[in-house]
Amino acid sequence: MADTNDLLRQQLGNAQVIIYVTGDGAQTSLDCYAVHFPVQTVVTNLDIDNNTGTDANLHQTYPAGTMLYLNVTAITISSGLAILYKN
């Protein structure tokens, strides 16, 4: 990313997104820099790259409006909605 203006454009929807809803099955082989949960969402699997801890700590219920800036490589939800921002 060249500068903060590029980042702002990405955050405002200039990036390609994946809209992932309950029932879509596991999303794998992803290369995403962020995930947004516009409604309360139960995450049963969330894999991230360059992690020094355990991904299992991220398997939880996220309140509506949560935005995670992580290098997401896979995600599974049991309820809710996730918008994944692709690199």
PDB file of N, CA and C in Angstrom:
ATOM      1  N   MET A   1       0.836  -1.164   0.000  1.00  0.00           N
ATOM      2  CA  MET A   1       0.000   0.000   0.000  1.00  0.00           C
ATOM      3  C   MET A   1       0.889   1.237   0.000  1.00  0.00           C
ATOM      4  N   ALA A   2       0.599   2.178  -0.838  1.00  0.00           N
ATOM      5  CA  ALA A   2       1.456   3.348  -1.012  1.00  0.00           C
ATOM      6  C   ALA A   2       1.370   4.322   0.155  1.00  0.00           C
ATOM      7  N   ASP A   3       0.167   4.617   0.637  1.00  0.00           N
ATOM      8  CA  ASP A   3       0.032   5.596   1.707  1.00  0.00           C
ATOM      9  C   ASP A   3      -1.304   5.419   2.409  1.00  0.00           C
ATOM     10  N   THR A   4      -1.584   6.295   3.364  1.00  0.00           N
ATOM     11  CA  THR A   4      -2.826   6.185   4.117  1.00  0.00           C
ATOM     12  C   THR A   4      -4.057   6.442   3.252  1.00  0.00           C
ATOM     13  N   ASN A   5      -3.915   7.211   2.174  1.00  0.00           N
ATOM     14  CA  ASN A   5      -5.059   7.422   1.279  1.00  0.00           C
ATOM     15  C   ASN A   5      -5.470   6.118   0.602  1.00  0.00           C
ATOM     16  N   ASP A   6      -4.485   5.298   0.228  1.00  0.00           N
ATOM     17  CA  ASP A   6      -4.809   3.992  -0.344  1.00  0.00           C
ATOM     18  C   ASP A   6      -5.554   3.135   0.667  1.00  0.00           C
ATOM     19  N   LEU A   7      -5.102   3.148   1.918  1.00  0.00           N
ATOM     20  CA  LEU A   7      -5.758   2.395   2.971  1.00  0.00           C
ATOM     21  C   LEU A   7      -7.200   2.856   3.143  1.00  0.00           C
ATOM     22  N   LEU A   8      -7.426   4.139   3.173  1.00  0.00           N
ATOM     23  CA  LEU A   8      -8.774   4.669   3.319  1.00  0.00           C
ATOM     24  C   LEU A   8      -9.666   4.208   2.170  1.00  0.00           C
ATOM     25  N   ARG A   9      -9.155   4.241   0.934  1.00  0.00           N
ATOM     26  CA  ARG A   9      -9.948   3.775  -0.212  1.00  0.00           C
ATOM     27  C   ARG A   9     -10.305   2.302  -0.054  1.00  0.00           C
ATOM     28  N   GLN A  10      -9.358   1.514   0.439  1.00  0.00           N
ATOM     29  CA  GLN A  10      -9.630   0.094   0.657  1.00  0.00           C
ATOM     30  C   GLN A  10     -10.743  -0.083   1.690  1.00  0.00           C
ATOM     31  N   GLN A  11     -10.674   0.658   2.775  1.00  0.00           N
ATOM     32  CA  GLN A  11     -11.662   0.544   3.840  1.00  0.00           C
ATOM     33  C   GLN A  11     -13.049   0.986   3.383  1.00  0.00           C
ATOM     34  N   LEU A  12     -13.089   1.870   2.401  1.00  0.00           N
ATOM     35  CA  LEU A  12     -14.375   2.373   1.921  1.00  0.00           C
ATOM     36  C   LEU A  12     -14.941   1.547   0.770  1.00  0.00           C
ATOM     37  N   GLY A  13     -14.345   0.395   0.502  1.00  0.00           N
ATOM     38  CA  GLY A  13     -14.946  -0.502  -0.469  1.00  0.00           C
ATOM     39  C   GLY A  13     -14.298  -0.546  -1.828  1.00  0.00           C
ATOM     40  N   ASN A  14     -13.112   0.034  -1.986  1.00  0.00           N
ATOM     41  CA  ASN A  14     -12.422  -0.010  -3.264  1.00  0.00           C
ATOM     42  C   ASN A  14     -11.876  -1.409  -3.544  1.00  0.00           C
ATOM     43  N   ALA A  15     -11.737  -2.232  -2.516  1.00  0.00           N
ATOM     44  CA  ALA A  15     -11.188  -3.579  -2.667  1.00  0.00           C
ATOM     45  C   ALA A  15     -12.283  -4.548  -3.102  1.00  0.00           C
ATOM     46  N   GLN A  16     -11.860  -5.658  -3.702  1.00  0.00           N
ATOM     47  CA  GLN A  16     -12.791  -6.728  -4.022  1.00  0.00           C
ATOM     48  C   GLN A  16     -13.181  -7.416  -2.716  1.00  0.00           C
ATOM     49  N   VAL A  17     -14.458  -7.762  -2.580  1.00  0.00           N
ATOM     50  CA  VAL A  17     -14.932  -8.384  -1.343  1.00  0.00           C
ATOM     51  C   VAL A  17     -15.597  -9.720  -1.633  1.00  0.00           C
ATOM     52  N   ILE A  18     -15.666 -10.535  -0.593  1.00  0.00           N
ATOM     53  CA  ILE A  18     -16.430 -11.781  -0.607  1.00  0.00           C
ATOM     54  C   ILE A  18     -17.504 -11.624   0.451  1.00  0.00           C
ATOM     55  N   ILE A  19     -18.754 -11.798   0.082  1.00  0.00           N
ATOM     56  CA  ILE A  19     -19.849 -11.755   1.047  1.00  0.00           C
ATOM     57  C   ILE A  19     -20.177 -13.200   1.402  1.00  0.00           C
ATOM     58  N   TYR A  20     -20.010 -13.523   2.667  1.00  0.00           N
ATOM     59  CA  TYR A  20     -20.097 -14.889   3.154  1.00  0.00           C
ATOM     60  C   TYR A  20     -21.224 -14.975   4.171  1.00  0.00           C
ATOM     61  N   VAL A  21     -22.212 -15.831   3.894  1.00  0.00           N
ATOM     62  CA  VAL A  21     -23.372 -15.964   4.769  1.00  0.00           C
ATOM     63  C   VAL A  21     -23.453 -17.382   5.324  1.00  0.00           C
ATOM     64  N   THR A  22     -24.231 -17.531   6.375  1.00  0.00           N
ATOM     65  CA  THR A  22     -24.462 -18.830   6.983  1.00  0.00           C
ATOM     66  C   THR A  22     -24.933 -19.814   5.917  1.00  0.00           C
ATOM     67  N   GLY A  23     -24.370 -21.013   5.936  1.00  0.00           N
ATOM     68  CA  GLY A  23     -24.768 -22.041   4.985  1.00  0.00           C
ATOM     69  C   GLY A  23     -23.878 -22.139   3.762  1.00  0.00           C
ATOM     70  N   ASP A  24     -22.930 -21.207   3.597  1.00  0.00           N
ATOM     71  CA  ASP A  24     -22.018 -21.242   2.444  1.00  0.00           C
ATOM     72  C   ASP A  24     -20.905 -22.277   2.607  1.00  0.00           C
ATOM     73  N   GLY A  25     -20.778 -22.885   3.780  1.00  0.00           N
ATOM     74  CA  GLY A  25     -19.692 -23.830   4.020  1.00  0.00           C
ATOM     75  C   GLY A  25     -18.402 -23.103   4.336  1.00  0.00           C
ATOM     76  N   ALA A  26     -17.343 -23.866   4.540  1.00  0.00           N
ATOM     77  CA  ALA A  26     -16.042 -23.276   4.878  1.00  0.00           C
ATOM     78  C   ALA A  26     -15.478 -22.523   3.682  1.00  0.00           C
ATOM     79  N   GLN A  27     -14.908 -21.366   3.958  1.00  0.00           N
ATOM     80  CA  GLN A  27     -14.202 -20.582   2.948  1.00  0.00           C
ATOM     81  C   GLN A  27     -12.710 -20.793   3.194  1.00  0.00           C
ATOM     82  N   THR A  28     -12.011 -21.375   2.213  1.00  0.00           N
ATOM     83  CA  THR A  28     -10.600 -21.694   2.387  1.00  0.00           C
ATOM     84  C   THR A  28      -9.772 -21.086   1.263  1.00  0.00           C
ATOM     85  N   SER A  29      -8.476 -21.197   1.387  1.00  0.00           N
ATOM     86  CA  SER A  29      -7.522 -20.663   0.400  1.00  0.00           C
ATOM     87  C   SER A  29      -7.755 -19.181   0.143  1.00  0.00           C
ATOM     88  N   LEU A  30      -8.054 -18.447   1.207  1.00  0.00           N
ATOM     89  CA  LEU A  30      -8.314 -17.015   1.105  1.00  0.00           C
ATOM     90  C   LEU A  30      -7.013 -16.230   1.236  1.00  0.00           C
ATOM     91  N   ASP A  31      -7.037 -15.024   0.720  1.00  0.00           N
ATOM     92  CA  ASP A  31      -5.949 -14.057   0.904  1.00  0.00           C
ATOM     93  C   ASP A  31      -6.621 -12.714   1.168  1.00  0.00           C
ATOM     94  N   CYS A  32      -7.073 -12.525   2.403  1.00  0.00           N
ATOM     95  CA  CYS A  32      -7.849 -11.334   2.765  1.00  0.00           C
ATOM     96  C   CYS A  32      -7.139 -10.577   3.888  1.00  0.00           C
ATOM     97  N   TYR A  33      -7.255  -9.241   3.862  1.00  0.00           N
ATOM     98  CA  TYR A  33      -6.585  -8.426   4.875  1.00  0.00           C
ATOM     99  C   TYR A  33      -7.510  -7.992   5.999  1.00  0.00           C
ATOM    100  N   ALA A  34      -8.819  -8.229   5.845  1.00  0.00           N
ATOM    101  CA  ALA A  34      -9.756  -7.827   6.890  1.00  0.00           C
ATOM    102  C   ALA A  34     -11.057  -8.600   6.743  1.00  0.00           C
ATOM    103  N   VAL A  35     -11.794  -8.680   7.849  1.00  0.00           N
ATOM    104  CA  VAL A  35     -13.132  -9.263   7.836  1.00  0.00           C
ATOM    105  C   VAL A  35     -14.034  -8.377   8.693  1.00  0.00           C
ATOM    106  N   HIS A  36     -15.220  -8.111   8.173  1.00  0.00           N
ATOM    107  CA  HIS A  36     -16.203  -7.262   8.860  1.00  0.00           C
ATOM    108  C   HIS A  36     -17.436  -8.101   9.141  1.00  0.00           C
ATOM    109  N   PHE A  37     -17.950  -7.981  10.361  1.00  0.00           N
ATOM    110  CA  PHE A  37     -19.182  -8.670  10.757  1.00  0.00           C
ATOM    111  C   PHE A  37     -20.266  -7.619  10.971  1.00  0.00           C
ATOM    112  N   PRO A  38     -21.106  -7.329   9.957  1.00  0.00           N
ATOM    113  CA  PRO A  38     -22.116  -6.280  10.096  1.00  0.00           C
ATOM    114  C   PRO A  38     -23.269  -6.666  11.025  1.00  0.00           C
ATOM    115  N   VAL A  39     -23.444  -7.960  11.265  1.00  0.00           N
ATOM    116  CA  VAL A  39     -24.439  -8.447  12.225  1.00  0.00           C
ATOM    117  C   VAL A  39     -23.721  -9.395  13.180  1.00  0.00           C
ATOM    118  N   GLN A  40     -24.337  -9.691  14.317  1.00  0.00           N
ATOM    119  CA  GLN A  40     -23.712 -10.638  15.246  1.00  0.00           C
ATOM    120  C   GLN A  40     -23.419 -11.935  14.507  1.00  0.00           C
ATOM    121  N   THR A  41     -22.192 -12.432  14.624  1.00  0.00           N
ATOM    122  CA  THR A  41     -21.752 -13.590  13.850  1.00  0.00           C
ATOM    123  C   THR A  41     -20.986 -14.561  14.740  1.00  0.00           C
ATOM    124  N   VAL A  42     -21.330 -15.851  14.608  1.00  0.00           N
ATOM    125  CA  VAL A  42     -20.633 -16.903  15.343  1.00  0.00           C
ATOM    126  C   VAL A  42     -19.592 -17.519  14.417  1.00  0.00           C
ATOM    127  N   VAL A  43     -18.321 -17.355  14.781  1.00  0.00           N
ATOM    128  CA  VAL A  43     -17.205 -17.879  13.995  1.00  0.00           C
ATOM    129  C   VAL A  43     -16.745 -19.183  14.638  1.00  0.00           C
ATOM    130  N   THR A  44     -16.802 -20.275  13.861  1.00  0.00           N
ATOM    131  CA  THR A  44     -16.374 -21.576  14.377  1.00  0.00           C
ATOM    132  C   THR A  44     -14.963 -21.931  13.927  1.00  0.00           C
ATOM    133  N   ASN A  45     -14.451 -21.243  12.916  1.00  0.00           N
ATOM    134  CA  ASN A  45     -13.066 -21.419  12.488  1.00  0.00           C
ATOM    135  C   ASN A  45     -12.593 -20.127  11.836  1.00  0.00           C
ATOM    136  N   LEU A  46     -11.406 -19.684  12.227  1.00  0.00           N
ATOM    137  CA  LEU A  46     -10.787 -18.508  11.625  1.00  0.00           C
ATOM    138  C   LEU A  46      -9.279 -18.730  11.621  1.00  0.00           C
ATOM    139  N   ASP A  47      -8.728 -18.967  10.435  1.00  0.00           N
ATOM    140  CA  ASP A  47      -7.287 -19.176  10.293  1.00  0.00           C
ATOM    141  C   ASP A  47      -6.649 -17.904   9.766  1.00  0.00           C
ATOM    142  N   ILE A  48      -5.522 -17.551  10.370  1.00  0.00           N
ATOM    143  CA  ILE A  48      -4.800 -16.360   9.931  1.00  0.00           C
ATOM    144  C   ILE A  48      -3.335 -16.700   9.707  1.00  0.00           C
ATOM    145  N   ASP A  49      -2.713 -15.961   8.811  1.00  0.00           N
ATOM    146  CA  ASP A  49      -1.298 -16.112   8.499  1.00  0.00           C
ATOM    147  C   ASP A  49      -0.461 -15.270   9.455  1.00  0.00           C
ATOM    148  N   ASN A  50       0.780 -15.643   9.646  1.00  0.00           N
ATOM    149  CA  ASN A  50       1.728 -14.894  10.480  1.00  0.00           C
ATOM    150  C   ASN A  50       1.231 -14.743  11.908  1.00  0.00           C
ATOM    151  N   ASN A  51       0.738 -15.828  12.467  1.00  0.00           N
ATOM    152  CA  ASN A  51       0.164 -15.825  13.806  1.00  0.00           C
ATOM    153  C   ASN A  51       1.148 -16.443  14.788  1.00  0.00           C
ATOM    154  N   THR A  52       1.389 -15.776  15.910  1.00  0.00           N
ATOM    155  CA  THR A  52       2.273 -16.333  16.929  1.00  0.00           C
ATOM    156  C   THR A  52       1.492 -16.985  18.063  1.00  0.00           C
ATOM    157  N   GLY A  53       0.182 -16.781  18.099  1.00  0.00           N
ATOM    158  CA  GLY A  53      -0.664 -17.398  19.122  1.00  0.00           C
ATOM    159  C   GLY A  53      -1.456 -18.542  18.528  1.00  0.00           C
ATOM    160  N   THR A  54      -2.611 -18.812  19.096  1.00  0.00           N
ATOM    161  CA  THR A  54      -3.468 -19.867  18.584  1.00  0.00           C
ATOM    162  C   THR A  54      -4.704 -19.266  17.932  1.00  0.00           C
ATOM    163  N   ASP A  55      -5.024 -19.740  16.731  1.00  0.00           N
ATOM    164  CA  ASP A  55      -6.199 -19.248  16.018  1.00  0.00           C
ATOM    165  C   ASP A  55      -7.485 -19.544  16.786  1.00  0.00           C
ATOM    166  N   ALA A  56      -7.481 -20.581  17.623  1.00  0.00           N
ATOM    167  CA  ALA A  56      -8.690 -20.974  18.352  1.00  0.00           C
ATOM    168  C   ALA A  56      -9.218 -19.844  19.236  1.00  0.00           C
ATOM    169  N   ASN A  57      -8.339 -18.939  19.663  1.00  0.00           N
ATOM    170  CA  ASN A  57      -8.787 -17.805  20.475  1.00  0.00           C
ATOM    171  C   ASN A  57      -9.717 -16.883  19.694  1.00  0.00           C
ATOM    172  N   LEU A  58      -9.704 -16.982  18.377  1.00  0.00           N
ATOM    173  CA  LEU A  58     -10.551 -16.134  17.534  1.00  0.00           C
ATOM    174  C   LEU A  58     -11.898 -16.780  17.214  1.00  0.00           C
ATOM    175  N   HIS A  59     -12.103 -18.021  17.637  1.00  0.00           N
ATOM    176  CA  HIS A  59     -13.360 -18.734  17.381  1.00  0.00           C
ATOM    177  C   HIS A  59     -14.349 -18.339  18.473  1.00  0.00           C
ATOM    178  N   GLN A  60     -15.204 -17.357  18.169  1.00  0.00           N
ATOM    179  CA  GLN A  60     -16.122 -16.822  19.160  1.00  0.00           C
ATOM    180  C   GLN A  60     -17.267 -16.098  18.472  1.00  0.00           C
ATOM    181  N   THR A  61     -18.167 -15.556  19.267  1.00  0.00           N
ATOM    182  CA  THR A  61     -19.265 -14.746  18.750  1.00  0.00           C
ATOM    183  C   THR A  61     -18.826 -13.285  18.731  1.00  0.00           C
ATOM    184  N   TYR A  62     -18.929 -12.661  17.546  1.00  0.00           N
ATOM    185  CA  TYR A  62     -18.535 -11.263  17.382  1.00  0.00           C
ATOM    186  C   TYR A  62     -19.791 -10.400  17.299  1.00  0.00           C
ATOM    187  N   PRO A  63     -19.815  -9.284  18.031  1.00  0.00           N
ATOM    188  CA  PRO A  63     -20.970  -8.396  17.958  1.00  0.00           C
ATOM    189  C   PRO A  63     -21.029  -7.671  16.616  1.00  0.00           C
ATOM    190  N   ALA A  64     -22.218  -7.236  16.272  1.00  0.00           N
ATOM    191  CA  ALA A  64     -22.412  -6.483  15.024  1.00  0.00           C
ATOM    192  C   ALA A  64     -21.471  -5.290  14.991  1.00  0.00           C
ATOM    193  N   GLY A  65     -20.862  -5.071  13.819  1.00  0.00           N
ATOM    194  CA  GLY A  65     -19.979  -3.935  13.625  1.00  0.00           C
ATOM    195  C   GLY A  65     -18.509  -4.230  13.840  1.00  0.00           C
ATOM    196  N   THR A  66     -18.174  -5.445  14.261  1.00  0.00           N
ATOM    197  CA  THR A  66     -16.770  -5.793  14.506  1.00  0.00           C
ATOM    198  C   THR A  66     -16.001  -5.852  13.189  1.00  0.00           C
ATOM    199  N   MET A  67     -14.798  -5.290  13.195  1.00  0.00           N
ATOM    200  CA  MET A  67     -13.893  -5.333  12.041  1.00  0.00           C
ATOM    201  C   MET A  67     -12.558  -5.873  12.544  1.00  0.00           C
ATOM    202  N   LEU A  68     -12.072  -6.938  11.928  1.00  0.00           N
ATOM    203  CA  LEU A  68     -10.777  -7.514  12.284  1.00  0.00           C
ATOM    204  C   LEU A  68      -9.811  -7.293  11.126  1.00  0.00           C
ATOM    205  N   TYR A  69      -8.683  -6.693  11.413  1.00  0.00           N
ATOM    206  CA  TYR A  69      -7.639  -6.496  10.406  1.00  0.00           C
ATOM    207  C   TYR A  69      -6.592  -7.585  10.612  1.00  0.00           C
ATOM    208  N   LEU A  70      -6.765  -8.678   9.880  1.00  0.00           N
ATOM    209  CA  LEU A  70      -5.906  -9.845   9.994  1.00  0.00           C
ATOM    210  C   LEU A  70      -5.698 -10.430   8.608  1.00  0.00           C
ATOM    211  N   ASN A  71      -4.630 -11.163   8.421  1.00  0.00           N
ATOM    212  CA  ASN A  71      -4.392 -11.854   7.156  1.00  0.00           C
ATOM    213  C   ASN A  71      -5.169 -13.167   7.178  1.00  0.00           C
ATOM    214  N   VAL A  72      -6.443 -13.114   6.807  1.00  0.00           N
ATOM    215  CA  VAL A  72      -7.357 -14.256   6.898  1.00  0.00           C
ATOM    216  C   VAL A  72      -7.117 -15.215   5.736  1.00  0.00           C
ATOM    217  N   THR A  73      -6.926 -16.513   6.091  1.00  0.00           N
ATOM    218  CA  THR A  73      -6.722 -17.539   5.064  1.00  0.00           C
ATOM    219  C   THR A  73      -7.883 -18.530   4.988  1.00  0.00           C
ATOM    220  N   ALA A  74      -8.706 -18.610   6.051  1.00  0.00           N
ATOM    221  CA  ALA A  74      -9.883 -19.487   6.042  1.00  0.00           C
ATOM    222  C   ALA A  74     -10.844 -19.030   7.127  1.00  0.00           C
ATOM    223  N   ILE A  75     -12.143 -19.258   6.872  1.00  0.00           N
ATOM    224  CA  ILE A  75     -13.163 -18.891   7.865  1.00  0.00           C
ATOM    225  C   ILE A  75     -14.381 -19.791   7.700  1.00  0.00           C
ATOM    226  N   THR A  76     -15.003 -20.104   8.824  1.00  0.00           N
ATOM    227  CA  THR A  76     -16.283 -20.815   8.843  1.00  0.00           C
ATOM    228  C   THR A  76     -17.162 -20.127   9.877  1.00  0.00           C
ATOM    229  N   ILE A  77     -18.423 -19.859   9.512  1.00  0.00           N
ATOM    230  CA  ILE A  77     -19.369 -19.273  10.463  1.00  0.00           C
ATOM    231  C   ILE A  77     -20.575 -20.202  10.592  1.00  0.00           C
ATOM    232  N   SER A  78     -21.177 -20.211  11.791  1.00  0.00           N
ATOM    233  CA  SER A  78     -22.386 -21.018  11.989  1.00  0.00           C
ATOM    234  C   SER A  78     -23.636 -20.155  11.967  1.00  0.00           C
ATOM    235  N   SER A  79     -23.477 -18.855  12.128  1.00  0.00           N
ATOM    236  CA  SER A  79     -24.593 -17.922  11.964  1.00  0.00           C
ATOM    237  C   SER A  79     -24.032 -16.533  11.728  1.00  0.00           C
ATOM    238  N   GLY A  80     -24.815 -15.718  11.051  1.00  0.00           N
ATOM    239  CA  GLY A  80     -24.398 -14.340  10.815  1.00  0.00           C
ATOM    240  C   GLY A  80     -23.941 -14.084   9.394  1.00  0.00           C
ATOM    241  N   LEU A  81     -23.051 -13.110   9.252  1.00  0.00           N
ATOM    242  CA  LEU A  81     -22.604 -12.621   7.951  1.00  0.00           C
ATOM    243  C   LEU A  81     -21.189 -12.071   8.100  1.00  0.00           C
ATOM    244  N   ALA A  82     -20.342 -12.364   7.117  1.00  0.00           N
ATOM    245  CA  ALA A  82     -18.982 -11.841   7.117  1.00  0.00           C
ATOM    246  C   ALA A  82     -18.691 -11.231   5.742  1.00  0.00           C
ATOM    247  N   ILE A  83     -18.056 -10.081   5.752  1.00  0.00           N
ATOM    248  CA  ILE A  83     -17.577  -9.458   4.509  1.00  0.00           C
ATOM    249  C   ILE A  83     -16.061  -9.506   4.576  1.00  0.00           C
ATOM    250  N   LEU A  84     -15.467 -10.227   3.626  1.00  0.00           N
ATOM    251  CA  LEU A  84     -14.021 -10.430   3.582  1.00  0.00           C
ATOM    252  C   LEU A  84     -13.421  -9.510   2.521  1.00  0.00           C
ATOM    253  N   TYR A  85     -12.390  -8.769   2.891  1.00  0.00           N
ATOM    254  CA  TYR A  85     -11.724  -7.833   1.981  1.00  0.00           C
ATOM    255  C   TYR A  85     -10.468  -8.495   1.417  1.00  0.00           C
ATOM    256  N   LYS A  86     -10.460  -8.735   0.105  1.00  0.00           N
ATOM    257  CA  LYS A  86      -9.367  -9.470  -0.534  1.00  0.00           C
ATOM    258  C   LYS A  86      -8.156  -8.574  -0.794  1.00  0.00           C
ATOM    259  N   ASN A  87      -6.969  -9.177  -0.631  1.00  0.00           N
ATOM    260  CA  ASN A  87      -5.722  -8.506  -0.987  1.00  0.00           C
ATOM    261  C   ASN A  87      -5.637  -8.341  -2.485  1.00  0.00           C
TER     262      ASN A  87
END
